[in-house]
Amino acid sequence: EEHPGWTGVPQMREALALADENCWSPWESRTRLVWRLDAGLPSPLCNRPIFDRSGRHVGTPDLLDPWAGVVVEYDGAPHLVGEQRKIDVLREEAYRRVGLEYLTVLSGHLRDRHGTAARMRDVRRRARWSTAAGRAWTLEPPPWWVMTTTVARRRSLSAAERERWLRYRRRAG
């Protein structure tokens, strides 16, 4: 506000409006920007845990459109082979079991932003669009869950809590 004439300030303001503190990697941020800017879709939730109605953790997707019921995952090179690929396939099945539509984005997809945006709009059209009451999933955490959805919450964790609740973030990307 104090330096409105500085070069780049208008672009910085636009960029800040698009930022999300819960994007855990540059590639997730790029995927999110294609969702917002190229596909023209509403801001997704980033890295929000999803639970089934029994309180079991289904997963924490890179992007979630909670209105339509769409999960978008960016899969970098570590996700394409071996044990991580097996884990990812099982997680995709878990999302689908609770009624979420699923889309995987790879780095090559992001080179074709318009094609990826079309895929994103298509997956949103296929989604179930159920009301919160009719869903088999929820964003409401069970009482035992420790929320880590903001930088402030993550910073307030003890070392032991960080190890327990954030260990999976080391494998993100």
Protein backbone atom coordinates (compact mmCIF):
# COMPACT_ATOMS: atom_id res chain seq x y z
CA GLU A 1 0.00 0.00 0.00
CA GLU A 2 2.87 2.39 0.75
CA HIS A 3 4.54 1.85 -2.65
CA PRO A 4 1.80 1.53 -5.27
CA GLY A 5 4.03 2.88 -8.05
CA TRP A 6 6.80 0.35 -7.64
CA THR A 7 7.36 -1.83 -10.66
CA GLY A 8 5.72 -5.20 -10.19
CA VAL A 9 3.46 -4.24 -7.25
CA PRO A 10 0.21 -4.80 -9.23
CA GLN A 11 1.43 -8.24 -10.37
CA MET A 12 2.49 -9.08 -6.82
CA ARG A 13 -0.99 -8.22 -5.54
CA GLU A 14 -2.53 -10.48 -8.18
CA ALA A 15 -0.13 -13.29 -7.27
CA LEU A 16 -0.86 -12.95 -3.55
CA ALA A 17 -4.58 -13.25 -4.26
CA LEU A 18 -3.87 -16.60 -5.95
CA ALA A 19 -1.53 -17.94 -3.24
CA ASP A 20 -2.45 -20.71 -0.82
CA GLU A 21 -0.34 -21.58 2.22
CA ASN A 22 -1.27 -25.24 1.94
CA CYS A 23 0.21 -25.90 -1.49
CA TRP A 24 3.11 -28.13 -0.50
CA SER A 25 5.14 -28.05 -3.69
CA PRO A 26 5.73 -25.85 -6.73
CA TRP A 27 4.07 -28.45 -8.94
CA GLU A 28 0.94 -28.49 -6.79
CA SER A 29 0.87 -24.70 -7.09
CA ARG A 30 1.14 -24.92 -10.88
CA THR A 31 -1.64 -27.50 -10.97
CA ARG A 32 -3.79 -25.26 -8.78
CA LEU A 33 -3.14 -22.27 -11.05
CA VAL A 34 -4.21 -24.24 -14.13
CA TRP A 35 -7.39 -25.20 -12.23
CA ARG A 36 -8.11 -21.56 -11.33
CA LEU A 37 -6.80 -19.54 -14.25
CA ASP A 38 -6.93 -21.82 -17.28
CA ALA A 39 -9.94 -23.95 -16.36
CA GLY A 40 -11.72 -21.02 -14.68
CA LEU A 41 -12.83 -23.14 -11.73
CA PRO A 42 -13.37 -22.01 -8.12
CA SER A 43 -10.45 -22.15 -5.69
CA PRO A 44 -9.89 -25.71 -4.52
CA LEU A 45 -8.88 -26.65 -1.01
CA CYS A 46 -5.23 -27.64 -0.81
CA ASN A 47 -4.02 -30.61 1.23
CA ARG A 48 -7.20 -30.88 3.31
CA PRO A 49 -7.73 -34.24 4.99
CA ILE A 50 -10.82 -36.18 3.95
CA PHE A 51 -12.55 -38.66 6.25
CA ASP A 52 -15.22 -41.26 5.74
CA ARG A 53 -18.39 -41.08 7.85
CA SER A 54 -16.82 -43.44 10.40
CA GLY A 55 -13.98 -40.98 11.04
CA ARG A 56 -11.29 -42.90 9.15
CA HIS A 57 -8.78 -40.83 7.21
CA VAL A 58 -9.35 -41.49 3.49
CA GLY A 59 -6.50 -39.27 2.30
CA THR A 60 -5.15 -35.75 1.99
CA PRO A 61 -5.30 -34.81 -1.68
CA ASP A 62 -3.26 -32.08 -3.30
CA LEU A 63 -6.44 -30.34 -4.46
CA LEU A 64 -10.07 -30.86 -3.48
CA ASP A 65 -13.14 -29.30 -5.00
CA PRO A 66 -15.55 -29.93 -2.10
CA TRP A 67 -18.58 -28.61 -3.97
CA ALA A 68 -18.34 -31.04 -6.87
CA GLY A 69 -16.50 -33.82 -5.03
CA VAL A 70 -13.32 -33.83 -7.12
CA VAL A 71 -9.80 -34.81 -6.02
CA VAL A 72 -6.79 -33.73 -8.11
CA GLU A 73 -3.36 -35.19 -7.46
CA TYR A 74 -0.11 -34.05 -9.03
CA ASP A 75 2.15 -37.08 -9.41
CA GLY A 76 5.83 -36.30 -9.86
CA ALA A 77 8.50 -38.85 -10.78
CA PRO A 78 8.58 -40.59 -7.34
CA HIS A 79 4.86 -41.43 -7.75
CA LEU A 80 5.25 -43.26 -11.05
CA VAL A 81 7.06 -46.44 -9.99
CA GLY A 82 7.52 -48.90 -7.18
CA GLU A 83 5.94 -48.83 -3.75
CA GLN A 84 4.73 -45.23 -4.03
CA ARG A 85 2.77 -46.07 -7.18
CA LYS A 86 1.08 -48.95 -5.35
CA ILE A 87 0.17 -46.63 -2.47
CA ASP A 88 -1.19 -44.02 -4.88
CA VAL A 89 -3.41 -46.54 -6.70
CA LEU A 90 -4.87 -47.75 -3.39
CA ARG A 91 -5.50 -44.14 -2.30
CA GLU A 92 -7.28 -43.40 -5.60
CA GLU A 93 -9.51 -46.42 -4.98
CA ALA A 94 -10.24 -45.14 -1.45
CA TYR A 95 -11.33 -41.75 -2.81
CA ARG A 96 -13.56 -43.39 -5.40
CA ARG A 97 -15.07 -45.71 -2.75
CA VAL A 98 -16.45 -42.67 -0.89
CA GLY A 99 -17.78 -41.12 -4.10
CA LEU A 100 -15.04 -38.67 -5.06
CA GLU A 101 -14.11 -38.22 -8.72
CA TYR A 102 -10.33 -38.40 -9.28
CA LEU A 103 -7.87 -36.77 -11.67
CA THR A 104 -4.11 -37.34 -11.90
CA VAL A 105 -1.89 -34.62 -13.36
CA LEU A 106 1.69 -35.29 -14.48
CA SER A 107 4.38 -32.74 -15.36
CA GLY A 108 3.88 -33.35 -19.08
CA HIS A 109 0.22 -32.45 -18.69
CA LEU A 110 1.15 -29.02 -17.35
CA ARG A 111 3.03 -28.23 -20.58
CA ASP A 112 -0.40 -28.35 -22.24
CA ARG A 113 -2.29 -26.08 -19.86
CA HIS A 114 -5.34 -25.80 -22.12
CA GLY A 115 -5.63 -29.56 -22.53
CA THR A 116 -5.22 -30.05 -18.79
CA ALA A 117 -7.82 -27.35 -18.12
CA ALA A 118 -10.25 -29.22 -20.40
CA ARG A 119 -9.57 -32.45 -18.45
CA MET A 120 -10.24 -30.56 -15.20
CA ARG A 121 -13.55 -29.17 -16.44
CA ASP A 122 -14.49 -32.64 -17.71
CA VAL A 123 -13.76 -34.36 -14.39
CA ARG A 124 -15.83 -31.71 -12.62
CA ARG A 125 -18.75 -32.38 -15.00
CA ARG A 126 -18.53 -36.12 -14.20
CA ALA A 127 -18.52 -35.52 -10.43
CA ARG A 128 -21.46 -36.40 -8.22
CA TRP A 129 -22.22 -32.94 -6.76
CA SER A 130 -23.90 -34.46 -3.72
CA THR A 131 -24.90 -32.37 -0.74
CA ALA A 132 -22.84 -32.64 2.44
CA ALA A 133 -25.56 -34.76 4.05
CA GLY A 134 -25.61 -37.22 1.15
CA ARG A 135 -21.87 -37.77 0.93
CA ALA A 136 -19.93 -40.79 2.14
CA TRP A 137 -17.03 -38.42 2.99
CA THR A 138 -16.57 -35.35 5.13
CA LEU A 139 -14.02 -32.66 5.89
CA GLU A 140 -15.05 -32.72 9.54
CA PRO A 141 -12.20 -34.36 11.43
CA PRO A 142 -12.82 -36.91 14.17
CA PRO A 143 -12.04 -35.76 17.73
CA TRP A 144 -8.65 -37.51 17.77
CA TRP A 145 -7.39 -35.77 14.60
CA VAL A 146 -4.84 -32.96 14.93
CA MET A 147 -5.47 -30.33 12.26
CA THR A 148 -2.36 -29.06 10.44
CA THR A 149 -4.11 -26.98 7.80
CA THR A 150 -2.32 -23.68 8.45
CA VAL A 151 1.30 -22.69 8.87
CA ALA A 152 0.48 -21.42 12.38
CA ARG A 153 -0.98 -24.81 13.36
CA ARG A 154 2.03 -26.68 11.97
CA ARG A 155 4.44 -24.38 13.82
CA SER A 156 2.59 -24.94 17.10
CA LEU A 157 3.15 -28.72 17.00
CA SER A 158 5.67 -30.31 19.31
CA ALA A 159 8.57 -32.26 17.76
CA ALA A 160 6.76 -35.55 18.44
CA GLU A 161 3.54 -34.23 16.92
CA ARG A 162 5.43 -33.01 13.85
CA GLU A 163 6.94 -36.45 13.37
CA ARG A 164 3.54 -38.12 13.69
CA TRP A 165 1.34 -35.70 11.78
CA LEU A 166 3.67 -34.28 9.14
CA ARG A 167 5.93 -37.23 8.25
CA TYR A 168 3.96 -37.93 5.07
CA ARG A 169 4.72 -34.40 3.79
CA ARG A 170 8.36 -35.39 3.22
CA ARG A 171 7.12 -37.69 0.45
CA ALA A 172 4.90 -35.03 -1.18
CA GLY A 173 5.54 -33.97 -4.78
